Amino acid sequence: MTLQLYFDEDTMDKGLVTALRARGADVLTALEADMIERQDDDHLKFATANGRVLYSFNVGDYCRLQAEGRTHAGLILAQQQHYSAGEQMRRLLRLINTLTAEEMQNRIEFLSRWQV
């Protein structure tokens, strides 16, 4: 099954979302899901309940939640302001075209690993 993405507040760059959707990616943003100003745990619960892989710049917070044993549909983490929108798009597309939803279950992937 193809990955469905959920972008938390930090990652929901309009240009990135538009570019990914134009290339067939299934992306839902925190704004569209009415999840603005929620805690990281709430974003993770929402993404998990909806079978979506969460994309965030909050590396430390989500690694902590993972270490606490939270189950989830997958996490993609990146350093904020480290990649342009185009670079994020290319790396995310490579990731979602390589891994299945089943492979992402309870898994963390770092965007830095997905060079194009």
PDB file of N, CA and C in Angstrom:
ATOM      1  N   MET A   1       0.848  -1.187   0.000  1.00  0.00           N
ATOM      2  CA  MET A   1       0.000   0.000   0.000  1.00  0.00           C
ATOM      3  C   MET A   1       0.889   1.244   0.000  1.00  0.00           C
ATOM      4  N   THR A   2       0.508   2.247  -0.752  1.00  0.00           N
ATOM      5  CA  THR A   2       1.263   3.484  -0.869  1.00  0.00           C
ATOM      6  C   THR A   2       1.169   4.302   0.413  1.00  0.00           C
ATOM      7  N   LEU A   3       2.266   4.962   0.746  1.00  0.00           N
ATOM      8  CA  LEU A   3       2.290   5.796   1.941  1.00  0.00           C
ATOM      9  C   LEU A   3       1.376   7.000   1.781  1.00  0.00           C
ATOM     10  N   GLN A   4       0.654   7.289   2.839  1.00  0.00           N
ATOM     11  CA  GLN A   4      -0.132   8.510   2.934  1.00  0.00           C
ATOM     12  C   GLN A   4       0.563   9.366   3.983  1.00  0.00           C
ATOM     13  N   LEU A   5       0.793  10.632   3.671  1.00  0.00           N
ATOM     14  CA  LEU A   5       1.555  11.494   4.552  1.00  0.00           C
ATOM     15  C   LEU A   5       0.668  12.458   5.324  1.00  0.00           C
ATOM     16  N   TYR A   6       1.133  12.788   6.525  1.00  0.00           N
ATOM     17  CA  TYR A   6       0.510  13.818   7.349  1.00  0.00           C
ATOM     18  C   TYR A   6       1.612  14.784   7.764  1.00  0.00           C
ATOM     19  N   PHE A   7       1.467  16.051   7.427  1.00  0.00           N
ATOM     20  CA  PHE A   7       2.450  17.084   7.756  1.00  0.00           C
ATOM     21  C   PHE A   7       1.980  17.853   8.976  1.00  0.00           C
ATOM     22  N   ASP A   8       2.809  17.868  10.017  1.00  0.00           N
ATOM     23  CA  ASP A   8       2.450  18.666  11.189  1.00  0.00           C
ATOM     24  C   ASP A   8       2.637  20.156  10.863  1.00  0.00           C
ATOM     25  N   GLU A   9       2.411  21.003  11.845  1.00  0.00           N
ATOM     26  CA  GLU A   9       2.443  22.456  11.595  1.00  0.00           C
ATOM     27  C   GLU A   9       3.768  22.957  11.046  1.00  0.00           C
ATOM     28  N   ASP A  10       4.855  22.370  11.484  1.00  0.00           N
ATOM     29  CA  ASP A  10       6.179  22.846  11.067  1.00  0.00           C
ATOM     30  C   ASP A  10       6.508  22.519   9.619  1.00  0.00           C
ATOM     31  N   THR A  11       5.979  21.453   9.100  1.00  0.00           N
ATOM     32  CA  THR A  11       6.367  20.983   7.767  1.00  0.00           C
ATOM     33  C   THR A  11       5.380  21.311   6.662  1.00  0.00           C
ATOM     34  N   MET A  12       4.283  21.967   6.990  1.00  0.00           N
ATOM     35  CA  MET A  12       3.233  22.137   5.980  1.00  0.00           C
ATOM     36  C   MET A  12       3.461  23.345   5.069  1.00  0.00           C
ATOM     37  N   ASP A  13       4.617  23.403   4.464  1.00  0.00           N
ATOM     38  CA  ASP A  13       4.944  24.415   3.469  1.00  0.00           C
ATOM     39  C   ASP A  13       4.016  24.241   2.262  1.00  0.00           C
ATOM     40  N   LYS A  14       3.295  25.306   1.917  1.00  0.00           N
ATOM     41  CA  LYS A  14       2.290  25.229   0.848  1.00  0.00           C
ATOM     42  C   LYS A  14       2.895  24.792  -0.486  1.00  0.00           C
ATOM     43  N   GLY A  15       4.055  25.344  -0.835  1.00  0.00           N
ATOM     44  CA  GLY A  15       4.707  24.980  -2.088  1.00  0.00           C
ATOM     45  C   GLY A  15       5.098  23.513  -2.132  1.00  0.00           C
ATOM     46  N   LEU A  16       5.601  23.006  -1.014  1.00  0.00           N
ATOM     47  CA  LEU A  16       5.984  21.592  -0.923  1.00  0.00           C
ATOM     48  C   LEU A  16       4.767  20.692  -1.055  1.00  0.00           C
ATOM     49  N   VAL A  17       3.721  21.020  -0.345  1.00  0.00           N
ATOM     50  CA  VAL A  17       2.492  20.215  -0.396  1.00  0.00           C
ATOM     51  C   VAL A  17       1.935  20.201  -1.818  1.00  0.00           C
ATOM     52  N   THR A  18       1.879  21.361  -2.465  1.00  0.00           N
ATOM     53  CA  THR A  18       1.367  21.455  -3.833  1.00  0.00           C
ATOM     54  C   THR A  18       2.215  20.627  -4.791  1.00  0.00           C
ATOM     55  N   ALA A  19       3.537  20.744  -4.666  1.00  0.00           N
ATOM     56  CA  ALA A  19       4.440  19.993  -5.546  1.00  0.00           C
ATOM     57  C   ALA A  19       4.299  18.488  -5.356  1.00  0.00           C
ATOM     58  N   LEU A  20       4.170  18.047  -4.121  1.00  0.00           N
ATOM     59  CA  LEU A  20       4.002  16.610  -3.867  1.00  0.00           C
ATOM     60  C   LEU A  20       2.674  16.103  -4.431  1.00  0.00           C
ATOM     61  N   ARG A  21       1.620  16.864  -4.216  1.00  0.00           N
ATOM     62  CA  ARG A  21       0.310  16.455  -4.737  1.00  0.00           C
ATOM     63  C   ARG A  21       0.303  16.414  -6.262  1.00  0.00           C
ATOM     64  N   ALA A  22       0.999  17.348  -6.898  1.00  0.00           N
ATOM     65  CA  ALA A  22       1.079  17.371  -8.360  1.00  0.00           C
ATOM     66  C   ALA A  22       1.766  16.116  -8.891  1.00  0.00           C
ATOM     67  N   ARG A  23       2.560  15.487  -8.044  1.00  0.00           N
ATOM     68  CA  ARG A  23       3.274  14.268  -8.426  1.00  0.00           C
ATOM     69  C   ARG A  23       2.610  13.012  -7.875  1.00  0.00           C
ATOM     70  N   GLY A  24       1.370  13.150  -7.418  1.00  0.00           N
ATOM     71  CA  GLY A  24       0.574  12.001  -7.016  1.00  0.00           C
ATOM     72  C   GLY A  24       0.663  11.594  -5.565  1.00  0.00           C
ATOM     73  N   ALA A  25       1.364  12.358  -4.736  1.00  0.00           N
ATOM     74  CA  ALA A  25       1.483  12.006  -3.322  1.00  0.00           C
ATOM     75  C   ALA A  25       0.202  12.380  -2.569  1.00  0.00           C
ATOM     76  N   ASP A  26      -0.179  11.531  -1.632  1.00  0.00           N
ATOM     77  CA  ASP A  26      -1.338  11.756  -0.775  1.00  0.00           C
ATOM     78  C   ASP A  26      -0.838  12.465   0.483  1.00  0.00           C
ATOM     79  N   VAL A  27      -1.129  13.764   0.582  1.00  0.00           N
ATOM     80  CA  VAL A  27      -0.644  14.582   1.691  1.00  0.00           C
ATOM     81  C   VAL A  27      -1.832  15.266   2.369  1.00  0.00           C
ATOM     82  N   LEU A  28      -1.856  15.192   3.691  1.00  0.00           N
ATOM     83  CA  LEU A  28      -2.835  15.899   4.502  1.00  0.00           C
ATOM     84  C   LEU A  28      -2.045  16.773   5.471  1.00  0.00           C
ATOM     85  N   THR A  29      -2.432  18.034   5.607  1.00  0.00           N
ATOM     86  CA  THR A  29      -1.725  18.935   6.520  1.00  0.00           C
ATOM     87  C   THR A  29      -2.505  19.100   7.826  1.00  0.00           C
ATOM     88  N   ALA A  30      -1.784  19.551   8.846  1.00  0.00           N
ATOM     89  CA  ALA A  30      -2.412  19.822  10.137  1.00  0.00           C
ATOM     90  C   ALA A  30      -3.512  20.865   9.994  1.00  0.00           C
ATOM     91  N   LEU A  31      -3.304  21.849   9.123  1.00  0.00           N
ATOM     92  CA  LEU A  31      -4.321  22.880   8.903  1.00  0.00           C
ATOM     93  C   LEU A  31      -5.593  22.256   8.332  1.00  0.00           C
ATOM     94  N   GLU A  32      -5.444  21.421   7.318  1.00  0.00           N
ATOM     95  CA  GLU A  32      -6.603  20.768   6.695  1.00  0.00           C
ATOM     96  C   GLU A  32      -7.324  19.833   7.664  1.00  0.00           C
ATOM     97  N   ALA A  33      -6.572  19.260   8.597  1.00  0.00           N
ATOM     98  CA  ALA A  33      -7.144  18.323   9.564  1.00  0.00           C
ATOM     99  C   ALA A  33      -7.636  19.019  10.833  1.00  0.00           C
ATOM    100  N   ASP A  34      -7.585  20.352  10.840  1.00  0.00           N
ATOM    101  CA  ASP A  34      -7.984  21.133  12.008  1.00  0.00           C
ATOM    102  C   ASP A  34      -7.199  20.703  13.259  1.00  0.00           C
ATOM    103  N   MET A  35      -5.871  20.558  13.073  1.00  0.00           N
ATOM    104  CA  MET A  35      -4.996  20.117  14.162  1.00  0.00           C
ATOM    105  C   MET A  35      -3.950  21.177  14.525  1.00  0.00           C
ATOM    106  N   ILE A  36      -4.243  22.433  14.249  1.00  0.00           N
ATOM    107  CA  ILE A  36      -3.310  23.518  14.555  1.00  0.00           C
ATOM    108  C   ILE A  36      -3.229  23.723  16.071  1.00  0.00           C
ATOM    109  N   GLU A  37      -2.008  24.022  16.537  1.00  0.00           N
ATOM    110  CA  GLU A  37      -1.709  24.294  17.941  1.00  0.00           C
ATOM    111  C   GLU A  37      -2.005  23.111  18.850  1.00  0.00           C
ATOM    112  N   ARG A  38      -1.736  21.932  18.346  1.00  0.00           N
ATOM    113  CA  ARG A  38      -1.880  20.715  19.144  1.00  0.00           C
ATOM    114  C   ARG A  38      -0.506  20.218  19.565  1.00  0.00           C
ATOM    115  N   GLN A  39      -0.486  19.385  20.577  1.00  0.00           N
ATOM    116  CA  GLN A  39       0.756  18.782  21.062  1.00  0.00           C
ATOM    117  C   GLN A  39       1.255  17.726  20.070  1.00  0.00           C
ATOM    118  N   ASP A  40       2.558  17.467  20.107  1.00  0.00           N
ATOM    119  CA  ASP A  40       3.135  16.453  19.217  1.00  0.00           C
ATOM    120  C   ASP A  40       2.452  15.103  19.389  1.00  0.00           C
ATOM    121  N   ASP A  41       2.145  14.751  20.620  1.00  0.00           N
ATOM    122  CA  ASP A  41       1.468  13.479  20.885  1.00  0.00           C
ATOM    123  C   ASP A  41       0.113  13.418  20.182  1.00  0.00           C
ATOM    124  N   ASP A  42      -0.599  14.543  20.148  1.00  0.00           N
ATOM    125  CA  ASP A  42      -1.895  14.593  19.463  1.00  0.00           C
ATOM    126  C   ASP A  42      -1.729  14.403  17.954  1.00  0.00           C
ATOM    127  N   HIS A  43      -0.682  15.025  17.384  1.00  0.00           N
ATOM    128  CA  HIS A  43      -0.412  14.849  15.957  1.00  0.00           C
ATOM    129  C   HIS A  43      -0.103  13.385  15.653  1.00  0.00           C
ATOM    130  N   LEU A  44       0.689  12.762  16.508  1.00  0.00           N
ATOM    131  CA  LEU A  44       1.044  11.356  16.293  1.00  0.00           C
ATOM    132  C   LEU A  44      -0.184  10.457  16.399  1.00  0.00           C
ATOM    133  N   LYS A  45      -1.022  10.713  17.375  1.00  0.00           N
ATOM    134  CA  LYS A  45      -2.256   9.929  17.522  1.00  0.00           C
ATOM    135  C   LYS A  45      -3.167  10.101  16.306  1.00  0.00           C
ATOM    136  N   PHE A  46      -3.303  11.341  15.836  1.00  0.00           N
ATOM    137  CA  PHE A  46      -4.146  11.604  14.669  1.00  0.00           C
ATOM    138  C   PHE A  46      -3.606  10.881  13.437  1.00  0.00           C
ATOM    139  N   ALA A  47      -2.319  11.032  13.185  1.00  0.00           N
ATOM    140  CA  ALA A  47      -1.713  10.382  12.020  1.00  0.00           C
ATOM    141  C   ALA A  47      -1.884   8.871  12.099  1.00  0.00           C
ATOM    142  N   THR A  48      -1.657   8.304  13.262  1.00  0.00           N
ATOM    143  CA  THR A  48      -1.780   6.854  13.449  1.00  0.00           C
ATOM    144  C   THR A  48      -3.217   6.393  13.212  1.00  0.00           C
ATOM    145  N   ALA A  49      -4.169   7.112  13.789  1.00  0.00           N
ATOM    146  CA  ALA A  49      -5.587   6.740  13.636  1.00  0.00           C
ATOM    147  C   ALA A  49      -6.027   6.789  12.178  1.00  0.00           C
ATOM    148  N   ASN A  50      -5.359   7.621  11.385  1.00  0.00           N
ATOM    149  CA  ASN A  50      -5.717   7.776   9.978  1.00  0.00           C
ATOM    150  C   ASN A  50      -4.773   7.041   9.032  1.00  0.00           C
ATOM    151  N   GLY A  51      -3.887   6.212   9.589  1.00  0.00           N
ATOM    152  CA  GLY A  51      -2.974   5.412   8.773  1.00  0.00           C
ATOM    153  C   GLY A  51      -1.992   6.235   7.975  1.00  0.00           C
ATOM    154  N   ARG A  52      -1.607   7.391   8.502  1.00  0.00           N
ATOM    155  CA  ARG A  52      -0.711   8.305   7.792  1.00  0.00           C
ATOM    156  C   ARG A  52       0.656   8.373   8.455  1.00  0.00           C
ATOM    157  N   VAL A  53       1.681   8.464   7.640  1.00  0.00           N
ATOM    158  CA  VAL A  53       3.047   8.631   8.109  1.00  0.00           C
ATOM    159  C   VAL A  53       3.254  10.109   8.404  1.00  0.00           C
ATOM    160  N   LEU A  54       3.701  10.418   9.608  1.00  0.00           N
ATOM    161  CA  LEU A  54       3.863  11.791  10.040  1.00  0.00           C
ATOM    162  C   LEU A  54       5.219  12.327   9.605  1.00  0.00           C
ATOM    163  N   TYR A  55       5.228  13.505   9.008  1.00  0.00           N
ATOM    164  CA  TYR A  55       6.451  14.193   8.612  1.00  0.00           C
ATOM    165  C   TYR A  55       6.620  15.412   9.497  1.00  0.00           C
ATOM    166  N   SER A  56       7.794  15.523  10.142  1.00  0.00           N
ATOM    167  CA  SER A  56       8.007  16.615  11.087  1.00  0.00           C
ATOM    168  C   SER A  56       9.473  17.019  11.166  1.00  0.00           C
ATOM    169  N   PHE A  57       9.686  18.235  11.653  1.00  0.00           N
ATOM    170  CA  PHE A  57      11.020  18.721  11.979  1.00  0.00           C
ATOM    171  C   PHE A  57      11.314  18.542  13.474  1.00  0.00           C
ATOM    172  N   ASN A  58      10.351  18.086  14.237  1.00  0.00           N
ATOM    173  CA  ASN A  58      10.502  17.922  15.684  1.00  0.00           C
ATOM    174  C   ASN A  58      11.197  16.598  16.011  1.00  0.00           C
ATOM    175  N   VAL A  59      12.448  16.498  15.638  1.00  0.00           N
ATOM    176  CA  VAL A  59      13.203  15.246  15.765  1.00  0.00           C
ATOM    177  C   VAL A  59      13.230  14.748  17.208  1.00  0.00           C
ATOM    178  N   GLY A  60      13.630  15.596  18.122  1.00  0.00           N
ATOM    179  CA  GLY A  60      13.761  15.176  19.513  1.00  0.00           C
ATOM    180  C   GLY A  60      12.459  14.707  20.124  1.00  0.00           C
ATOM    181  N   ASP A  61      11.388  15.450  19.889  1.00  0.00           N
ATOM    182  CA  ASP A  61      10.096  15.105  20.484  1.00  0.00           C
ATOM    183  C   ASP A  61       9.579  13.764  19.972  1.00  0.00           C
ATOM    184  N   TYR A  62       9.675  13.539  18.667  1.00  0.00           N
ATOM    185  CA  TYR A  62       9.140  12.285  18.124  1.00  0.00           C
ATOM    186  C   TYR A  62      10.041  11.092  18.414  1.00  0.00           C
ATOM    187  N   CYS A  63      11.336  11.317  18.515  1.00  0.00           N
ATOM    188  CA  CYS A  63      12.224  10.221  18.937  1.00  0.00           C
ATOM    189  C   CYS A  63      11.894   9.818  20.372  1.00  0.00           C
ATOM    190  N   ARG A  64      11.589  10.804  21.212  1.00  0.00           N
ATOM    191  CA  ARG A  64      11.195  10.520  22.599  1.00  0.00           C
ATOM    192  C   ARG A  64       9.901   9.715  22.645  1.00  0.00           C
ATOM    193  N   LEU A  65       8.915  10.117  21.851  1.00  0.00           N
ATOM    194  CA  LEU A  65       7.646   9.379  21.821  1.00  0.00           C
ATOM    195  C   LEU A  65       7.862   7.947  21.329  1.00  0.00           C
ATOM    196  N   GLN A  66       8.737   7.785  20.339  1.00  0.00           N
ATOM    197  CA  GLN A  66       9.073   6.448  19.834  1.00  0.00           C
ATOM    198  C   GLN A  66       9.697   5.622  20.955  1.00  0.00           C
ATOM    199  N   ALA A  67      10.624   6.230  21.704  1.00  0.00           N
ATOM    200  CA  ALA A  67      11.312   5.528  22.788  1.00  0.00           C
ATOM    201  C   ALA A  67      10.347   5.125  23.897  1.00  0.00           C
ATOM    202  N   GLU A  68       9.261   5.866  24.038  1.00  0.00           N
ATOM    203  CA  GLU A  68       8.240   5.534  25.039  1.00  0.00           C
ATOM    204  C   GLU A  68       7.370   4.366  24.592  1.00  0.00           C
ATOM    205  N   GLY A  69       7.603   3.887  23.388  1.00  0.00           N
ATOM    206  CA  GLY A  69       6.863   2.723  22.902  1.00  0.00           C
ATOM    207  C   GLY A  69       5.564   3.046  22.195  1.00  0.00           C
ATOM    208  N   ARG A  70       5.384   4.285  21.766  1.00  0.00           N
ATOM    209  CA  ARG A  70       4.166   4.651  21.042  1.00  0.00           C
ATOM    210  C   ARG A  70       4.133   3.920  19.702  1.00  0.00           C
ATOM    211  N   THR A  71       3.010   3.350  19.384  1.00  0.00           N
ATOM    212  CA  THR A  71       2.856   2.738  18.063  1.00  0.00           C
ATOM    213  C   THR A  71       2.379   3.810  17.097  1.00  0.00           C
ATOM    214  N   HIS A  72       2.759   3.664  15.846  1.00  0.00           N
ATOM    215  CA  HIS A  72       2.395   4.670  14.860  1.00  0.00           C
ATOM    216  C   HIS A  72       2.523   4.093  13.451  1.00  0.00           C
ATOM    217  N   ALA A  73       2.026   4.844  12.485  1.00  0.00           N
ATOM    218  CA  ALA A  73       2.061   4.410  11.081  1.00  0.00           C
ATOM    219  C   ALA A  73       3.398   4.740  10.427  1.00  0.00           C
ATOM    220  N   GLY A  74       4.277   5.404  11.167  1.00  0.00           N
ATOM    221  CA  GLY A  74       5.596   5.748  10.659  1.00  0.00           C
ATOM    222  C   GLY A  74       5.900   7.212  10.883  1.00  0.00           C
ATOM    223  N   LEU A  75       7.199   7.503  10.977  1.00  0.00           N
ATOM    224  CA  LEU A  75       7.671   8.863  11.163  1.00  0.00           C
ATOM    225  C   LEU A  75       8.762   9.160  10.148  1.00  0.00           C
ATOM    226  N   ILE A  76       8.687  10.316   9.545  1.00  0.00           N
ATOM    227  CA  ILE A  76       9.760  10.832   8.706  1.00  0.00           C
ATOM    228  C   ILE A  76      10.198  12.131   9.373  1.00  0.00           C
ATOM    229  N   LEU A  77      11.467  12.190   9.739  1.00  0.00           N
ATOM    230  CA  LEU A  77      11.972  13.341  10.477  1.00  0.00           C
ATOM    231  C   LEU A  77      13.105  14.010   9.718  1.00  0.00           C
ATOM    232  N   ALA A  78      13.161  15.324   9.833  1.00  0.00           N
ATOM    233  CA  ALA A  78      14.205  16.103   9.157  1.00  0.00           C
ATOM    234  C   ALA A  78      14.591  17.284  10.023  1.00  0.00           C
ATOM    235  N   GLN A  79      15.780  17.790   9.800  1.00  0.00           N
ATOM    236  CA  GLN A  79      16.217  19.001  10.481  1.00  0.00           C
ATOM    237  C   GLN A  79      15.561  20.203   9.817  1.00  0.00           C
ATOM    238  N   GLN A  80      14.991  21.083  10.624  1.00  0.00           N
ATOM    239  CA  GLN A  80      14.325  22.273  10.095  1.00  0.00           C
ATOM    240  C   GLN A  80      15.328  23.194   9.417  1.00  0.00           C
ATOM    241  N   GLN A  81      14.930  23.769   8.328  1.00  0.00           N
ATOM    242  CA  GLN A  81      15.707  24.715   7.538  1.00  0.00           C
ATOM    243  C   GLN A  81      17.000  24.105   6.997  1.00  0.00           C
ATOM    244  N   HIS A  82      17.046  22.809   6.912  1.00  0.00           N
ATOM    245  CA  HIS A  82      18.219  22.130   6.377  1.00  0.00           C
ATOM    246  C   HIS A  82      18.065  21.846   4.885  1.00  0.00           C
ATOM    247  N   TYR A  83      16.819  21.705   4.416  1.00  0.00           N
ATOM    248  CA  TYR A  83      16.541  21.351   3.025  1.00  0.00           C
ATOM    249  C   TYR A  83      15.595  22.364   2.401  1.00  0.00           C
ATOM    250  N   SER A  84      15.826  22.656   1.136  1.00  0.00           N
ATOM    251  CA  SER A  84      14.878  23.489   0.395  1.00  0.00           C
ATOM    252  C   SER A  84      13.599  22.682   0.180  1.00  0.00           C
ATOM    253  N   ALA A  85      12.537  23.363  -0.228  1.00  0.00           N
ATOM    254  CA  ALA A  85      11.284  22.664  -0.517  1.00  0.00           C
ATOM    255  C   ALA A  85      11.493  21.642  -1.634  1.00  0.00           C
ATOM    256  N   GLY A  86      12.275  21.994  -2.657  1.00  0.00           N
ATOM    257  CA  GLY A  86      12.547  21.070  -3.754  1.00  0.00           C
ATOM    258  C   GLY A  86      13.296  19.844  -3.299  1.00  0.00           C
ATOM    259  N   GLU A  87      14.270  20.033  -2.428  1.00  0.00           N
ATOM    260  CA  GLU A  87      15.043  18.903  -1.910  1.00  0.00           C
ATOM    261  C   GLU A  87      14.169  18.007  -1.036  1.00  0.00           C
ATOM    262  N   GLN A  88      13.327  18.609  -0.210  1.00  0.00           N
ATOM    263  CA  GLN A  88      12.389  17.819   0.597  1.00  0.00           C
ATOM    264  C   GLN A  88      11.483  16.994  -0.314  1.00  0.00           C
ATOM    265  N   MET A  89      10.952  17.635  -1.356  1.00  0.00           N
ATOM    266  CA  MET A  89      10.057  16.942  -2.281  1.00  0.00           C
ATOM    267  C   MET A  89      10.750  15.736  -2.900  1.00  0.00           C
ATOM    268  N   ARG A  90      11.948  15.930  -3.432  1.00  0.00           N
ATOM    269  CA  ARG A  90      12.668  14.826  -4.084  1.00  0.00           C
ATOM    270  C   ARG A  90      12.937  13.681  -3.119  1.00  0.00           C
ATOM    271  N   ARG A  91      13.362  14.002  -1.921  1.00  0.00           N
ATOM    272  CA  ARG A  91      13.663  12.964  -0.934  1.00  0.00           C
ATOM    273  C   ARG A  91      12.390  12.249  -0.466  1.00  0.00           C
ATOM    274  N   LEU A  92      11.331  13.018  -0.221  1.00  0.00           N
ATOM    275  CA  LEU A  92      10.068  12.392   0.195  1.00  0.00           C
ATOM    276  C   LEU A  92       9.511  11.495  -0.901  1.00  0.00           C
ATOM    277  N   LEU A  93       9.571  11.935  -2.143  1.00  0.00           N
ATOM    278  CA  LEU A  93       9.082  11.098  -3.242  1.00  0.00           C
ATOM    279  C   LEU A  93       9.884   9.814  -3.355  1.00  0.00           C
ATOM    280  N   ARG A  94      11.186   9.907  -3.187  1.00  0.00           N
ATOM    281  CA  ARG A  94      12.009   8.694  -3.237  1.00  0.00           C
ATOM    282  C   ARG A  94      11.602   7.738  -2.121  1.00  0.00           C
ATOM    283  N   LEU A  95      11.392   8.276  -0.930  1.00  0.00           N
ATOM    284  CA  LEU A  95      11.000   7.447   0.207  1.00  0.00           C
ATOM    285  C   LEU A  95       9.644   6.790  -0.030  1.00  0.00           C
ATOM    286  N   ILE A  96       8.642   7.579  -0.430  1.00  0.00           N
ATOM    287  CA  ILE A  96       7.303   7.000  -0.572  1.00  0.00           C
ATOM    288  C   ILE A  96       7.193   6.070  -1.780  1.00  0.00           C
ATOM    289  N   ASN A  97       8.112   6.200  -2.719  1.00  0.00           N
ATOM    290  CA  ASN A  97       8.124   5.273  -3.856  1.00  0.00           C
ATOM    291  C   ASN A  97       8.984   4.048  -3.595  1.00  0.00           C
ATOM    292  N   THR A  98       9.621   3.987  -2.433  1.00  0.00           N
ATOM    293  CA  THR A  98      10.476   2.859  -2.082  1.00  0.00           C
ATOM    294  C   THR A  98       9.858   1.988  -0.998  1.00  0.00           C
ATOM    295  N   LEU A  99       9.299   2.614   0.028  1.00  0.00           N
ATOM    296  CA  LEU A  99       8.767   1.881   1.176  1.00  0.00           C
ATOM    297  C   LEU A  99       7.244   1.805   1.122  1.00  0.00           C
ATOM    298  N   THR A 100       6.705   0.709   1.613  1.00  0.00           N
ATOM    299  CA  THR A 100       5.253   0.549   1.690  1.00  0.00           C
ATOM    300  C   THR A 100       4.758   1.013   3.057  1.00  0.00           C
ATOM    301  N   ALA A 101       3.463   1.177   3.159  1.00  0.00           N
ATOM    302  CA  ALA A 101       2.851   1.550   4.438  1.00  0.00           C
ATOM    303  C   ALA A 101       3.150   0.484   5.494  1.00  0.00           C
ATOM    304  N   GLU A 102       3.146  -0.749   5.094  1.00  0.00           N
ATOM    305  CA  GLU A 102       3.435  -1.837   6.031  1.00  0.00           C
ATOM    306  C   GLU A 102       4.876  -1.760   6.534  1.00  0.00           C
ATOM    307  N   GLU A 103       5.797  -1.419   5.659  1.00  0.00           N
ATOM    308  CA  GLU A 103       7.202  -1.307   6.059  1.00  0.00           C
ATOM    309  C   GLU A 103       7.449  -0.122   6.986  1.00  0.00           C
ATOM    310  N   MET A 104       6.606   0.879   6.918  1.00  0.00           N
ATOM    311  CA  MET A 104       6.787   2.078   7.742  1.00  0.00           C
ATOM    312  C   MET A 104       6.184   1.945   9.140  1.00  0.00           C
ATOM    313  N   GLN A 105       5.405   0.908   9.386  1.00  0.00           N
ATOM    314  CA  GLN A 105       4.783   0.740  10.697  1.00  0.00           C
ATOM    315  C   GLN A 105       5.831   0.803  11.804  1.00  0.00           C
ATOM    316  N   ASN A 106       5.647   1.731  12.763  1.00  0.00           N
ATOM    317  CA  ASN A 106       6.515   1.896  13.934  1.00  0.00           C
ATOM    318  C   ASN A 106       7.985   2.134  13.571  1.00  0.00           C
ATOM    319  N   ARG A 107       8.212   2.705  12.428  1.00  0.00           N
ATOM    320  CA  ARG A 107       9.572   2.940  11.929  1.00  0.00           C
ATOM    321  C   ARG A 107       9.824   4.440  11.817  1.00  0.00           C
ATOM    322  N   ILE A 108      11.058   4.842  12.108  1.00  0.00           N
ATOM    323  CA  ILE A 108      11.485   6.222  11.895  1.00  0.00           C
ATOM    324  C   ILE A 108      12.453   6.235  10.728  1.00  0.00           C
ATOM    325  N   GLU A 109      12.213   7.132   9.799  1.00  0.00           N
ATOM    326  CA  GLU A 109      13.144   7.375   8.698  1.00  0.00           C
ATOM    327  C   GLU A 109      13.577   8.833   8.784  1.00  0.00           C
ATOM    328  N   PHE A 110      14.853   9.060   8.590  1.00  0.00           N
ATOM    329  CA  PHE A 110      15.387  10.421   8.578  1.00  0.00           C
ATOM    330  C   PHE A 110      15.562  10.848   7.127  1.00  0.00           C
ATOM    331  N   LEU A 111      15.061  12.024   6.814  1.00  0.00           N
ATOM    332  CA  LEU A 111      15.088  12.516   5.443  1.00  0.00           C
ATOM    333  C   LEU A 111      16.524  12.563   4.890  1.00  0.00           C
ATOM    334  N   SER A 112      17.474  12.759   5.760  1.00  0.00           N
ATOM    335  CA  SER A 112      18.883  12.835   5.343  1.00  0.00           C
ATOM    336  C   SER A 112      19.352  11.548   4.660  1.00  0.00           C
ATOM    337  N   ARG A 113      18.727  10.443   4.954  1.00  0.00           N
ATOM    338  CA  ARG A 113      19.093   9.150   4.389  1.00  0.00           C
ATOM    339  C   ARG A 113      18.666   8.995   2.921  1.00  0.00           C
ATOM    340  N   TRP A 114      17.714   9.795   2.499  1.00  0.00           N
ATOM    341  CA  TRP A 114      17.063   9.610   1.192  1.00  0.00           C
ATOM    342  C   TRP A 114      17.576  10.574   0.145  1.00  0.00           C
ATOM    343  N   GLN A 115      18.859  10.537  -0.104  1.00  0.00           N
ATOM    344  CA  GLN A 115      19.449  11.385  -1.129  1.00  0.00           C
ATOM    345  C   GLN A 115      18.987  10.941  -2.508  1.00  0.00           C
ATOM    346  N   VAL A 116      18.891  11.906  -3.384  1.00  0.00           N
ATOM    347  CA  VAL A 116      18.461  11.630  -4.757  1.00  0.00           C
ATOM    348  C   VAL A 116      19.657  11.720  -5.680  1.00  0.00           C
TER     349      VAL A 116
END
